[in-house]
Amino acid sequence: MEDVADTPKQRRPTIRDVAREAGVSRGTVSRVLNGGHLVSADALAAVTAAIERTGFSANQHARSLASGRANSVAFLLTEPQDLLFDDPNFSALLRGCAAALSKLSIPLVLMFASSTEERRQTIEFISGGHVDGVLLVSSHAGDPVLPQLLKAQIPVIASGRPLGFERKIGYVGADDYDGARQITQHLLDRGRRRIATITGPLDTSGGVDRLAGYKAALGDAVDPLLIVSGDYTRQSGEKGMLELLEAAPDLDAVFVASDLMAVGALTVLRQAGRDIPGDVALAGFDDAPLASSVDPLLTTVHQPLDRIGAEMVRLLVDVIDGNDPLAVTVPTRLVVRQST
């Protein structure tokens, strides 16, 4: 039997090995690995071939140099970092995108762009060729990030319809309009007549389209007193519910444009002594895990975030490969539970 201790270990190749194989200095190899600046075409070709032959860094550098690609994709959230953990939709979408990219052996780079400094750093990093494309999440109308990405000619696919840029980039979104229409009609079918709503941000397609679906179901019965705005946070659900109870104490149902806001509204209704669903029927949107863990269980609209994430990756890879961007709308589904 061969003595394992006497068997030489397989040593990982180093920059020195690549330089010796290519017949160049280590400095030249280093410059190639950092973008190829001030390197002749002959030296670049020699180093690329040497990387392939030596297997340096699992050939990742070789693949990047040969294809001219970074072989990575950015997941760019244009919201404060804490919302990635506070809002269940963002983490679910991140998991869906990461799973789809993993199947393609493409690393995901998580980035944020909610402040001026974050936007500057993000655009600088992305424009520097460190990623091949961007999965843009929670884009707001007027946000400077999207125009800057387009100016840099970076492939982008958005989550949700990018207001004002629908004809310029591809996107994947849930059918927010139909989902909101369905759940408002459900409340009407339950005999509710004073149906209020707490909207999402009205500078996002989700906020705009869910409000439009609510209005479509109510028709001439829309009452401006029964409409307040939120921002998808639990706190805005609490604030919106307080405003509604003050403006329209006779309301008998509330459609809240996200489950997280609906939980905030539920807290306020209970504090006000309102029985749910006896006095007020309550409905949300998203079908987040918390919708099936609160008491009473929350009626909501299911949007398949895993599928949305997978579709975003599919469309982005297609654009990176040189194809025209496409738009995909994913159906939503009414989920009836105890709160209505």
C-alpha atoms as a PDB file:
ATOM      1  CA  MET A   1       0.000   0.000   0.000  1.00  0.00           C
ATOM      2  CA  GLU A   2       1.301   3.453  -0.911  1.00  0.00           C
ATOM      3  CA  ASP A   3       2.100   5.736   2.030  1.00  0.00           C
ATOM      4  CA  VAL A   4      -0.166   8.803   1.780  1.00  0.00           C
ATOM      5  CA  ALA A   5       2.456  10.885   3.553  1.00  0.00           C
ATOM      6  CA  ASP A   6       4.908  10.173   0.753  1.00  0.00           C
ATOM      7  CA  THR A   7       2.473  11.223  -1.986  1.00  0.00           C
ATOM      8  CA  PRO A   8       3.121  14.771  -3.187  1.00  0.00           C
ATOM      9  CA  LYS A   9       0.090  17.068  -2.715  1.00  0.00           C
ATOM     10  CA  GLN A  10      -1.496  18.757  -5.723  1.00  0.00           C
ATOM     11  CA  ARG A  11      -0.410  22.384  -5.480  1.00  0.00           C
ATOM     12  CA  ARG A  12      -2.730  25.152  -6.671  1.00  0.00           C
ATOM     13  CA  PRO A  13      -1.194  27.115  -9.544  1.00  0.00           C
ATOM     14  CA  THR A  14      -0.019  30.638  -8.732  1.00  0.00           C
ATOM     15  CA  ILE A  15       0.632  33.840 -10.635  1.00  0.00           C
ATOM     16  CA  ARG A  16       4.311  32.820 -10.730  1.00  0.00           C
ATOM     17  CA  ASP A  17       3.324  29.586 -12.551  1.00  0.00           C
ATOM     18  CA  VAL A  18       1.207  31.503 -15.057  1.00  0.00           C
ATOM     19  CA  ALA A  19       4.029  33.990 -15.670  1.00  0.00           C
ATOM     20  CA  ARG A  20       6.577  31.209 -16.238  1.00  0.00           C
ATOM     21  CA  GLU A  21       4.190  29.373 -18.581  1.00  0.00           C
ATOM     22  CA  ALA A  22       3.433  32.549 -20.553  1.00  0.00           C
ATOM     23  CA  GLY A  23       7.026  33.779 -20.634  1.00  0.00           C
ATOM     24  CA  VAL A  24       6.121  37.142 -19.104  1.00  0.00           C
ATOM     25  CA  SER A  25       6.649  38.905 -15.780  1.00  0.00           C
ATOM     26  CA  ARG A  26       4.376  38.470 -12.783  1.00  0.00           C
ATOM     27  CA  GLY A  27       3.480  42.151 -13.121  1.00  0.00           C
ATOM     28  CA  THR A  28       2.127  41.525 -16.620  1.00  0.00           C
ATOM     29  CA  VAL A  29      -0.021  38.645 -15.350  1.00  0.00           C
ATOM     30  CA  SER A  30      -1.311  40.856 -12.544  1.00  0.00           C
ATOM     31  CA  ARG A  31      -2.249  43.618 -14.997  1.00  0.00           C
ATOM     32  CA  VAL A  32      -4.100  41.102 -17.165  1.00  0.00           C
ATOM     33  CA  LEU A  33      -6.055  39.829 -14.172  1.00  0.00           C
ATOM     34  CA  ASN A  34      -7.000  43.393 -13.246  1.00  0.00           C
ATOM     35  CA  GLY A  35      -8.435  44.356 -16.591  1.00  0.00           C
ATOM     36  CA  GLY A  36      -5.614  44.125 -19.115  1.00  0.00           C
ATOM     37  CA  HIS A  37      -4.567  47.784 -19.040  1.00  0.00           C
ATOM     38  CA  LEU A  38      -1.150  48.581 -20.551  1.00  0.00           C
ATOM     39  CA  VAL A  39      -0.760  45.006 -21.812  1.00  0.00           C
ATOM     40  CA  SER A  40       0.058  44.214 -25.438  1.00  0.00           C
ATOM     41  CA  ALA A  41      -2.240  41.964 -27.452  1.00  0.00           C
ATOM     42  CA  ASP A  42       0.485  39.294 -27.702  1.00  0.00           C
ATOM     43  CA  ALA A  43       1.070  39.301 -23.929  1.00  0.00           C
ATOM     44  CA  LEU A  44      -2.669  39.167 -23.253  1.00  0.00           C
ATOM     45  CA  ALA A  45      -3.034  36.149 -25.529  1.00  0.00           C
ATOM     46  CA  ALA A  46      -0.049  34.421 -23.931  1.00  0.00           C
ATOM     47  CA  VAL A  47      -1.331  34.981 -20.389  1.00  0.00           C
ATOM     48  CA  THR A  48      -4.862  33.857 -21.291  1.00  0.00           C
ATOM     49  CA  ALA A  49      -3.504  30.643 -22.789  1.00  0.00           C
ATOM     50  CA  ALA A  50      -1.252  30.078 -19.766  1.00  0.00           C
ATOM     51  CA  ILE A  51      -4.191  30.499 -17.395  1.00  0.00           C
ATOM     52  CA  GLU A  52      -6.089  27.868 -19.339  1.00  0.00           C
ATOM     53  CA  ARG A  53      -3.159  25.440 -19.341  1.00  0.00           C
ATOM     54  CA  THR A  54      -2.314  25.817 -15.655  1.00  0.00           C
ATOM     55  CA  GLY A  55      -5.907  25.859 -14.395  1.00  0.00           C
ATOM     56  CA  PHE A  56      -5.223  29.024 -12.425  1.00  0.00           C
ATOM     57  CA  SER A  57      -8.132  29.869 -10.067  1.00  0.00           C
ATOM     58  CA  ALA A  58     -10.376  27.133 -11.483  1.00  0.00           C
ATOM     59  CA  ASN A  59     -10.119  28.789 -14.891  1.00  0.00           C
ATOM     60  CA  GLN A  60     -12.472  31.621 -13.811  1.00  0.00           C
ATOM     61  CA  HIS A  61     -10.065  34.259 -15.081  1.00  0.00           C
ATOM     62  CA  ALA A  62      -9.576  32.370 -18.291  1.00  0.00           C
ATOM     63  CA  ARG A  63     -13.290  32.158 -18.905  1.00  0.00           C
ATOM     64  CA  SER A  64     -13.707  35.863 -18.233  1.00  0.00           C
ATOM     65  CA  LEU A  65     -10.850  36.832 -20.503  1.00  0.00           C
ATOM     66  CA  ALA A  66     -11.938  34.511 -23.284  1.00  0.00           C
ATOM     67  CA  SER A  67     -15.575  35.638 -23.247  1.00  0.00           C
ATOM     68  CA  GLY A  68     -15.062  39.283 -22.361  1.00  0.00           C
ATOM     69  CA  ARG A  69     -17.605  38.803 -19.558  1.00  0.00           C
ATOM     70  CA  ALA A  70     -17.489  39.088 -15.791  1.00  0.00           C
ATOM     71  CA  ASN A  71     -19.582  35.898 -15.378  1.00  0.00           C
ATOM     72  CA  SER A  72     -21.582  37.455 -12.547  1.00  0.00           C
ATOM     73  CA  VAL A  73     -24.874  39.338 -12.182  1.00  0.00           C
ATOM     74  CA  ALA A  74     -25.952  42.070  -9.756  1.00  0.00           C
ATOM     75  CA  PHE A  75     -29.131  41.913  -7.676  1.00  0.00           C
ATOM     76  CA  LEU A  76     -29.698  45.636  -7.155  1.00  0.00           C
ATOM     77  CA  LEU A  77     -32.194  46.747  -4.506  1.00  0.00           C
ATOM     78  CA  THR A  78     -33.009  50.461  -4.599  1.00  0.00           C
ATOM     79  CA  GLU A  79     -34.236  50.459  -0.996  1.00  0.00           C
ATOM     80  CA  PRO A  80     -32.524  50.805   2.421  1.00  0.00           C
ATOM     81  CA  GLN A  81     -30.595  47.683   3.378  1.00  0.00           C
ATOM     82  CA  ASP A  82     -32.794  46.827   6.358  1.00  0.00           C
ATOM     83  CA  LEU A  83     -35.797  46.298   4.073  1.00  0.00           C
ATOM     84  CA  LEU A  84     -34.101  43.231   2.601  1.00  0.00           C
ATOM     85  CA  PHE A  85     -34.752  41.573   5.963  1.00  0.00           C
ATOM     86  CA  ASP A  86     -37.909  43.423   7.058  1.00  0.00           C
ATOM     87  CA  ASP A  87     -39.901  42.944   3.837  1.00  0.00           C
ATOM     88  CA  PRO A  88     -40.392  39.211   3.082  1.00  0.00           C
ATOM     89  CA  ASN A  89     -40.893  39.887  -0.632  1.00  0.00           C
ATOM     90  CA  PHE A  90     -37.335  41.081  -1.186  1.00  0.00           C
ATOM     91  CA  SER A  91     -35.736  38.090   0.511  1.00  0.00           C
ATOM     92  CA  ALA A  92     -38.035  35.688  -1.373  1.00  0.00           C
ATOM     93  CA  LEU A  93     -37.167  37.325  -4.682  1.00  0.00           C
ATOM     94  CA  LEU A  94     -33.469  37.204  -3.826  1.00  0.00           C
ATOM     95  CA  ARG A  95     -33.733  33.466  -3.119  1.00  0.00           C
ATOM     96  CA  GLY A  96     -35.536  32.881  -6.418  1.00  0.00           C
ATOM     97  CA  CYS A  97     -32.930  34.777  -8.437  1.00  0.00           C
ATOM     98  CA  ALA A  98     -30.014  33.153  -6.603  1.00  0.00           C
ATOM     99  CA  ALA A  99     -31.435  29.663  -7.193  1.00  0.00           C
ATOM    100  CA  ALA A 100     -31.918  30.305 -10.912  1.00  0.00           C
ATOM    101  CA  LEU A 101     -28.415  31.768 -11.291  1.00  0.00           C
ATOM    102  CA  SER A 102     -26.893  28.869  -9.353  1.00  0.00           C
ATOM    103  CA  LYS A 103     -28.234  26.439 -11.942  1.00  0.00           C
ATOM    104  CA  LEU A 104     -26.293  28.432 -14.550  1.00  0.00           C
ATOM    105  CA  SER A 105     -23.135  28.626 -12.375  1.00  0.00           C
ATOM    106  CA  ILE A 106     -23.397  32.431 -12.335  1.00  0.00           C
ATOM    107  CA  PRO A 107     -22.492  34.164  -9.044  1.00  0.00           C
ATOM    108  CA  LEU A 108     -24.853  36.823  -7.686  1.00  0.00           C
ATOM    109  CA  VAL A 109     -23.564  40.152  -6.372  1.00  0.00           C
ATOM    110  CA  LEU A 110     -25.927  41.794  -3.862  1.00  0.00           C
ATOM    111  CA  MET A 111     -25.960  45.599  -4.107  1.00  0.00           C
ATOM    112  CA  PHE A 112     -27.986  48.500  -2.698  1.00  0.00           C
ATOM    113  CA  ALA A 113     -28.704  51.953  -4.099  1.00  0.00           C
ATOM    114  CA  SER A 114     -30.980  53.908  -1.769  1.00  0.00           C
ATOM    115  CA  SER A 115     -28.680  56.851  -0.986  1.00  0.00           C
ATOM    116  CA  THR A 116     -26.676  59.196  -3.199  1.00  0.00           C
ATOM    117  CA  GLU A 117     -23.384  57.624  -2.113  1.00  0.00           C
ATOM    118  CA  GLU A 118     -24.672  54.069  -2.595  1.00  0.00           C
ATOM    119  CA  ARG A 119     -25.902  54.974  -6.079  1.00  0.00           C
ATOM    120  CA  ARG A 120     -22.525  56.479  -6.986  1.00  0.00           C
ATOM    121  CA  GLN A 121     -20.583  53.442  -5.769  1.00  0.00           C
ATOM    122  CA  THR A 122     -23.002  51.022  -7.406  1.00  0.00           C
ATOM    123  CA  ILE A 123     -22.967  52.677 -10.825  1.00  0.00           C
ATOM    124  CA  GLU A 124     -19.166  52.939 -10.677  1.00  0.00           C
ATOM    125  CA  PHE A 125     -18.842  49.238  -9.833  1.00  0.00           C
ATOM    126  CA  ILE A 126     -21.344  48.052 -12.445  1.00  0.00           C
ATOM    127  CA  SER A 127     -19.986  50.343 -15.176  1.00  0.00           C
ATOM    128  CA  GLY A 128     -16.494  48.986 -14.450  1.00  0.00           C
ATOM    129  CA  GLY A 129     -17.416  45.661 -16.026  1.00  0.00           C
ATOM    130  CA  HIS A 130     -17.622  43.706 -12.761  1.00  0.00           C
ATOM    131  CA  VAL A 131     -21.038  42.258 -13.677  1.00  0.00           C
ATOM    132  CA  ASP A 132     -22.660  41.353 -16.988  1.00  0.00           C
ATOM    133  CA  GLY A 133     -26.135  42.558 -16.117  1.00  0.00           C
ATOM    134  CA  VAL A 134     -28.470  43.824 -13.413  1.00  0.00           C
ATOM    135  CA  LEU A 135     -31.607  42.419 -11.798  1.00  0.00           C
ATOM    136  CA  LEU A 136     -33.253  45.674 -10.702  1.00  0.00           C
ATOM    137  CA  VAL A 137     -35.626  45.405  -7.737  1.00  0.00           C
ATOM    138  CA  SER A 138     -38.094  48.020  -6.433  1.00  0.00           C
ATOM    139  CA  SER A 139     -37.511  50.732  -9.008  1.00  0.00           C
ATOM    140  CA  HIS A 140     -39.286  54.023  -8.262  1.00  0.00           C
ATOM    141  CA  ALA A 141     -40.325  56.630 -10.838  1.00  0.00           C
ATOM    142  CA  GLY A 142     -37.736  59.396 -10.926  1.00  0.00           C
ATOM    143  CA  ASP A 143     -34.976  57.227  -9.441  1.00  0.00           C
ATOM    144  CA  PRO A 144     -31.711  58.182 -11.229  1.00  0.00           C
ATOM    145  CA  VAL A 145     -30.295  54.636 -11.114  1.00  0.00           C
ATOM    146  CA  LEU A 146     -32.157  53.275 -14.123  1.00  0.00           C
ATOM    147  CA  PRO A 147     -31.232  56.126 -16.522  1.00  0.00           C
ATOM    148  CA  GLN A 148     -27.601  55.770 -15.437  1.00  0.00           C
ATOM    149  CA  LEU A 149     -27.640  52.025 -16.104  1.00  0.00           C
ATOM    150  CA  LEU A 150     -29.118  52.617 -19.538  1.00  0.00           C
ATOM    151  CA  LYS A 151     -26.532  55.294 -20.278  1.00  0.00           C
ATOM    152  CA  ALA A 152     -23.801  52.800 -19.364  1.00  0.00           C
ATOM    153  CA  GLN A 153     -25.449  50.279 -21.742  1.00  0.00           C
ATOM    154  CA  ILE A 154     -25.752  47.642 -19.017  1.00  0.00           C
ATOM    155  CA  PRO A 155     -28.303  44.842 -19.626  1.00  0.00           C
ATOM    156  CA  VAL A 156     -31.133  45.285 -17.102  1.00  0.00           C
ATOM    157  CA  ILE A 157     -34.282  43.363 -16.205  1.00  0.00           C
ATOM    158  CA  ALA A 158     -36.615  44.931 -13.649  1.00  0.00           C
ATOM    159  CA  SER A 159     -38.902  43.363 -11.101  1.00  0.00           C
ATOM    160  CA  GLY A 160     -42.227  44.989 -11.865  1.00  0.00           C
ATOM    161  CA  ARG A 161     -43.083  47.410 -14.641  1.00  0.00           C
ATOM    162  CA  PRO A 162     -40.476  50.232 -14.615  1.00  0.00           C
ATOM    163  CA  LEU A 163     -42.624  53.353 -14.824  1.00  0.00           C
ATOM    164  CA  GLY A 164     -41.552  55.505 -17.775  1.00  0.00           C
ATOM    165  CA  PHE A 165     -39.136  52.881 -19.108  1.00  0.00           C
ATOM    166  CA  GLU A 166     -41.510  50.110 -20.176  1.00  0.00           C
ATOM    167  CA  ARG A 167     -40.314  50.285 -23.801  1.00  0.00           C
ATOM    168  CA  LYS A 168     -36.622  50.498 -22.949  1.00  0.00           C
ATOM    169  CA  ILE A 169     -35.937  47.551 -20.650  1.00  0.00           C
ATOM    170  CA  GLY A 170     -37.437  44.144 -20.010  1.00  0.00           C
ATOM    171  CA  TYR A 171     -39.289  43.308 -16.827  1.00  0.00           C
ATOM    172  CA  VAL A 172     -41.148  40.572 -14.982  1.00  0.00           C
ATOM    173  CA  GLY A 173     -44.058  41.362 -12.714  1.00  0.00           C
ATOM    174  CA  ALA A 174     -47.125  39.905 -11.063  1.00  0.00           C
ATOM    175  CA  ASP A 175     -50.528  40.870 -12.448  1.00  0.00           C
ATOM    176  CA  ASP A 176     -51.078  43.461  -9.722  1.00  0.00           C
ATOM    177  CA  TYR A 177     -54.126  44.988 -11.394  1.00  0.00           C
ATOM    178  CA  ASP A 178     -56.045  41.728 -11.701  1.00  0.00           C
ATOM    179  CA  GLY A 179     -55.013  40.551  -8.236  1.00  0.00           C
ATOM    180  CA  ALA A 180     -56.306  43.749  -6.636  1.00  0.00           C
ATOM    181  CA  ARG A 181     -59.494  43.624  -8.691  1.00  0.00           C
ATOM    182  CA  GLN A 182     -60.110  40.017  -7.633  1.00  0.00           C
ATOM    183  CA  ILE A 183     -59.673  40.636  -3.932  1.00  0.00           C
ATOM    184  CA  THR A 184     -61.803  43.808  -3.940  1.00  0.00           C
ATOM    185  CA  GLN A 185     -64.544  41.918  -5.789  1.00  0.00           C
ATOM    186  CA  HIS A 186     -64.249  39.189  -3.169  1.00  0.00           C
ATOM    187  CA  LEU A 187     -64.963  41.778  -0.464  1.00  0.00           C
ATOM    188  CA  LEU A 188     -67.983  43.037  -2.427  1.00  0.00           C
ATOM    189  CA  ASP A 189     -69.240  39.469  -2.798  1.00  0.00           C
ATOM    190  CA  ARG A 190     -69.047  39.131   0.999  1.00  0.00           C
ATOM    191  CA  GLY A 191     -71.519  41.994   1.288  1.00  0.00           C
ATOM    192  CA  ARG A 192     -69.023  44.732   2.194  1.00  0.00           C
ATOM    193  CA  ARG A 193     -69.857  48.187   0.898  1.00  0.00           C
ATOM    194  CA  ARG A 194     -67.517  50.669   2.632  1.00  0.00           C
ATOM    195  CA  ILE A 195     -64.278  49.173   1.357  1.00  0.00           C
ATOM    196  CA  ALA A 196     -61.141  51.196   2.077  1.00  0.00           C
ATOM    197  CA  THR A 197     -57.599  50.668   0.817  1.00  0.00           C
ATOM    198  CA  ILE A 198     -54.062  51.386   1.951  1.00  0.00           C
ATOM    199  CA  THR A 199     -52.049  51.645  -1.249  1.00  0.00           C
ATOM    200  CA  GLY A 200     -48.437  50.850  -1.971  1.00  0.00           C
ATOM    201  CA  PRO A 201     -46.028  53.615  -3.055  1.00  0.00           C
ATOM    202  CA  LEU A 202     -47.621  55.404  -5.990  1.00  0.00           C
ATOM    203  CA  ASP A 203     -44.255  55.911  -7.685  1.00  0.00           C
ATOM    204  CA  THR A 204     -44.053  52.143  -8.287  1.00  0.00           C
ATOM    205  CA  SER A 205     -46.014  50.004 -10.725  1.00  0.00           C
ATOM    206  CA  GLY A 206     -47.257  47.780  -7.903  1.00  0.00           C
ATOM    207  CA  GLY A 207     -48.707  50.729  -6.028  1.00  0.00           C
ATOM    208  CA  VAL A 208     -50.302  52.199  -9.149  1.00  0.00           C
ATOM    209  CA  ASP A 209     -51.717  48.960 -10.554  1.00  0.00           C
ATOM    210  CA  ARG A 210     -53.126  47.623  -7.263  1.00  0.00           C
ATOM    211  CA  LEU A 211     -54.938  50.916  -6.714  1.00  0.00           C
ATOM    212  CA  ALA A 212     -56.270  50.766 -10.284  1.00  0.00           C
ATOM    213  CA  GLY A 213     -57.568  47.217  -9.732  1.00  0.00           C
ATOM    214  CA  TYR A 214     -59.302  48.285  -6.507  1.00  0.00           C
ATOM    215  CA  LYS A 215     -60.970  51.194  -8.305  1.00  0.00           C
ATOM    216  CA  ALA A 216     -62.020  49.018 -11.240  1.00  0.00           C
ATOM    217  CA  ALA A 217     -63.852  46.613  -8.942  1.00  0.00           C
ATOM    218  CA  LEU A 218     -65.652  49.409  -7.069  1.00  0.00           C
ATOM    219  CA  GLY A 219     -66.559  51.471 -10.125  1.00  0.00           C
ATOM    220  CA  ASP A 220     -68.766  54.429  -9.194  1.00  0.00           C
ATOM    221  CA  ALA A 221     -68.594  53.473  -5.504  1.00  0.00           C
ATOM    222  CA  VAL A 222     -64.988  54.726  -5.144  1.00  0.00           C
ATOM    223  CA  ASP A 223     -64.760  57.194  -2.246  1.00  0.00           C
ATOM    224  CA  PRO A 224     -61.551  59.279  -1.942  1.00  0.00           C
ATOM    225  CA  LEU A 225     -61.994  59.327   1.845  1.00  0.00           C
ATOM    226  CA  LEU A 226     -61.405  55.572   1.836  1.00  0.00           C
ATOM    227  CA  ILE A 227     -58.003  55.750   0.091  1.00  0.00           C
ATOM    228  CA  VAL A 228     -54.709  56.410   1.918  1.00  0.00           C
ATOM    229  CA  SER A 229     -51.130  55.780   0.832  1.00  0.00           C
ATOM    230  CA  GLY A 230     -48.520  53.505   2.383  1.00  0.00           C
ATOM    231  CA  ASP A 231     -45.014  52.361   1.567  1.00  0.00           C
ATOM    232  CA  TYR A 232     -45.230  48.574   2.137  1.00  0.00           C
ATOM    233  CA  THR A 233     -43.876  48.801   5.710  1.00  0.00           C
ATOM    234  CA  ARG A 234     -45.735  47.627   8.811  1.00  0.00           C
ATOM    235  CA  GLN A 235     -45.516  51.136  10.245  1.00  0.00           C
ATOM    236  CA  SER A 236     -47.248  52.667   7.223  1.00  0.00           C
ATOM    237  CA  GLY A 237     -50.022  50.077   7.595  1.00  0.00           C
ATOM    238  CA  GLU A 238     -50.580  51.202  11.172  1.00  0.00           C
ATOM    239  CA  LYS A 239     -50.520  54.881  10.201  1.00  0.00           C
ATOM    240  CA  GLY A 240     -52.844  54.344   7.242  1.00  0.00           C
ATOM    241  CA  MET A 241     -55.359  52.420   9.346  1.00  0.00           C
ATOM    242  CA  LEU A 242     -55.433  55.162  11.967  1.00  0.00           C
ATOM    243  CA  GLU A 243     -56.109  57.728   9.213  1.00  0.00           C
ATOM    244  CA  LEU A 244     -58.910  55.618   7.751  1.00  0.00           C
ATOM    245  CA  LEU A 245     -60.659  55.066  11.084  1.00  0.00           C
ATOM    246  CA  GLU A 246     -60.599  58.804  11.715  1.00  0.00           C
ATOM    247  CA  ALA A 247     -61.827  59.740   8.217  1.00  0.00           C
ATOM    248  CA  ALA A 248     -64.361  56.912   7.783  1.00  0.00           C
ATOM    249  CA  PRO A 249     -65.279  55.181  11.056  1.00  0.00           C
ATOM    250  CA  ASP A 250     -68.119  53.350   9.241  1.00  0.00           C
ATOM    251  CA  LEU A 251     -65.761  51.390   6.970  1.00  0.00           C
ATOM    252  CA  ASP A 252     -66.479  47.640   6.912  1.00  0.00           C
ATOM    253  CA  ALA A 253     -63.530  46.295   4.882  1.00  0.00           C
ATOM    254  CA  VAL A 254     -59.936  47.194   4.029  1.00  0.00           C
ATOM    255  CA  PHE A 255     -57.817  45.987   1.133  1.00  0.00           C
ATOM    256  CA  VAL A 256     -54.187  46.587   2.097  1.00  0.00           C
ATOM    257  CA  ALA A 257     -51.667  46.494  -0.761  1.00  0.00           C
ATOM    258  CA  SER A 258     -49.167  44.262   1.081  1.00  0.00           C
ATOM    259  CA  ASP A 259     -49.370  41.620   3.795  1.00  0.00           C
ATOM    260  CA  LEU A 260     -46.793  43.422   5.913  1.00  0.00           C
ATOM    261  CA  MET A 261     -48.895  46.597   5.910  1.00  0.00           C
ATOM    262  CA  ALA A 262     -51.999  44.494   6.589  1.00  0.00           C
ATOM    263  CA  VAL A 263     -50.427  43.166   9.798  1.00  0.00           C
ATOM    264  CA  GLY A 264     -49.886  46.767  10.889  1.00  0.00           C
ATOM    265  CA  ALA A 265     -53.521  47.575  10.064  1.00  0.00           C
ATOM    266  CA  LEU A 266     -54.643  44.501  12.025  1.00  0.00           C
ATOM    267  CA  THR A 267     -52.872  45.769  15.137  1.00  0.00           C
ATOM    268  CA  VAL A 268     -54.657  49.141  14.954  1.00  0.00           C
ATOM    269  CA  LEU A 269     -58.077  47.584  14.318  1.00  0.00           C
ATOM    270  CA  ARG A 270     -57.701  45.397  17.383  1.00  0.00           C
ATOM    271  CA  GLN A 271     -56.610  48.342  19.506  1.00  0.00           C
ATOM    272  CA  ALA A 272     -59.736  50.181  18.304  1.00  0.00           C
ATOM    273  CA  GLY A 273     -61.913  47.285  19.445  1.00  0.00           C
ATOM    274  CA  ARG A 274     -62.918  46.202  15.929  1.00  0.00           C
ATOM    275  CA  ASP A 275     -63.617  42.499  15.403  1.00  0.00           C
ATOM    276  CA  ILE A 276     -62.087  40.890  12.320  1.00  0.00           C
ATOM    277  CA  PRO A 277     -63.899  39.886  10.184  1.00  0.00           C
ATOM    278  CA  GLY A 278     -67.114  40.634  12.118  1.00  0.00           C
ATOM    279  CA  ASP A 279     -66.804  44.428  12.082  1.00  0.00           C
ATOM    280  CA  VAL A 280     -64.111  44.862   9.435  1.00  0.00           C
ATOM    281  CA  ALA A 281     -62.958  42.395   6.797  1.00  0.00           C
ATOM    282  CA  LEU A 282     -59.210  42.664   6.167  1.00  0.00           C
ATOM    283  CA  ALA A 283     -57.304  41.555   3.051  1.00  0.00           C
ATOM    284  CA  GLY A 284     -53.670  41.842   1.998  1.00  0.00           C
ATOM    285  CA  PHE A 285     -51.494  41.155  -1.036  1.00  0.00           C
ATOM    286  CA  ASP A 286     -48.400  38.939  -1.595  1.00  0.00           C
ATOM    287  CA  ASP A 287     -49.246  35.720   0.325  1.00  0.00           C
ATOM    288  CA  ALA A 288     -46.102  36.146   2.407  1.00  0.00           C
ATOM    289  CA  PRO A 289     -45.475  33.503   5.104  1.00  0.00           C
ATOM    290  CA  LEU A 290     -46.766  35.860   7.795  1.00  0.00           C
ATOM    291  CA  ALA A 291     -50.228  35.839   6.127  1.00  0.00           C
ATOM    292  CA  SER A 292     -50.719  32.247   7.262  1.00  0.00           C
ATOM    293  CA  SER A 293     -49.310  32.809  10.757  1.00  0.00           C
ATOM    294  CA  VAL A 294     -51.359  35.765  12.057  1.00  0.00           C
ATOM    295  CA  ASP A 295     -54.701  35.484  13.855  1.00  0.00           C
ATOM    296  CA  PRO A 296     -57.040  35.512  12.052  1.00  0.00           C
ATOM    297  CA  LEU A 297     -55.343  34.004   9.009  1.00  0.00           C
ATOM    298  CA  LEU A 298     -55.097  36.682   6.322  1.00  0.00           C
ATOM    299  CA  THR A 299     -56.984  36.602   3.040  1.00  0.00           C
ATOM    300  CA  THR A 300     -54.532  37.756   0.384  1.00  0.00           C
ATOM    301  CA  VAL A 301     -53.336  37.554  -3.217  1.00  0.00           C
ATOM    302  CA  HIS A 302     -50.598  35.073  -4.053  1.00  0.00           C
ATOM    303  CA  GLN A 303     -47.762  36.202  -6.299  1.00  0.00           C
ATOM    304  CA  PRO A 304     -45.191  33.494  -7.177  1.00  0.00           C
ATOM    305  CA  LEU A 305     -41.933  35.258  -6.306  1.00  0.00           C
ATOM    306  CA  ASP A 306     -39.775  32.190  -7.000  1.00  0.00           C
ATOM    307  CA  ARG A 307     -41.122  32.050 -10.553  1.00  0.00           C
ATOM    308  CA  ILE A 308     -40.729  35.817 -10.968  1.00  0.00           C
ATOM    309  CA  GLY A 309     -37.080  35.528  -9.904  1.00  0.00           C
ATOM    310  CA  ALA A 310     -36.443  32.645 -12.306  1.00  0.00           C
ATOM    311  CA  GLU A 311     -38.083  34.539 -15.177  1.00  0.00           C
ATOM    312  CA  MET A 312     -36.004  37.641 -14.421  1.00  0.00           C
ATOM    313  CA  VAL A 313     -32.810  35.586 -14.671  1.00  0.00           C
ATOM    314  CA  ARG A 314     -33.967  33.930 -17.897  1.00  0.00           C
ATOM    315  CA  LEU A 315     -34.738  37.272 -19.540  1.00  0.00           C
ATOM    316  CA  LEU A 316     -31.513  38.880 -18.325  1.00  0.00           C
ATOM    317  CA  VAL A 317     -29.323  36.076 -19.675  1.00  0.00           C
ATOM    318  CA  ASP A 318     -31.198  36.443 -22.969  1.00  0.00           C
ATOM    319  CA  VAL A 319     -30.407  40.186 -23.110  1.00  0.00           C
ATOM    320  CA  ILE A 320     -26.758  39.571 -22.158  1.00  0.00           C
ATOM    321  CA  ASP A 321     -26.590  37.183 -25.113  1.00  0.00           C
ATOM    322  CA  GLY A 322     -27.647  40.018 -27.420  1.00  0.00           C
ATOM    323  CA  ASN A 323     -31.393  39.459 -27.744  1.00  0.00           C
ATOM    324  CA  ASP A 324     -34.090  42.107 -27.428  1.00  0.00           C
ATOM    325  CA  PRO A 325     -35.623  42.574 -23.956  1.00  0.00           C
ATOM    326  CA  LEU A 326     -39.012  41.026 -23.249  1.00  0.00           C
ATOM    327  CA  ALA A 327     -41.738  41.656 -20.662  1.00  0.00           C
ATOM    328  CA  VAL A 328     -43.515  38.907 -18.736  1.00  0.00           C
ATOM    329  CA  THR A 329     -46.614  39.251 -16.554  1.00  0.00           C
ATOM    330  CA  VAL A 330     -47.181  36.402 -14.110  1.00  0.00           C
ATOM    331  CA  PRO A 331     -50.756  35.577 -13.008  1.00  0.00           C
ATOM    332  CA  THR A 332     -51.829  36.131  -9.405  1.00  0.00           C
ATOM    333  CA  ARG A 333     -54.311  34.074  -7.369  1.00  0.00           C
ATOM    334  CA  LEU A 334     -56.838  34.930  -4.666  1.00  0.00           C
ATOM    335  CA  VAL A 335     -56.244  33.066  -1.371  1.00  0.00           C
ATOM    336  CA  VAL A 336     -59.286  33.218   0.932  1.00  0.00           C
ATOM    337  CA  ARG A 337     -58.683  32.773   4.663  1.00  0.00           C
ATOM    338  CA  GLN A 338     -60.334  33.732   7.953  1.00  0.00           C
ATOM    339  CA  SER A 339     -59.900  37.532   7.877  1.00  0.00           C
ATOM    340  CA  THR A 340     -62.711  38.049   5.339  1.00  0.00           C
END
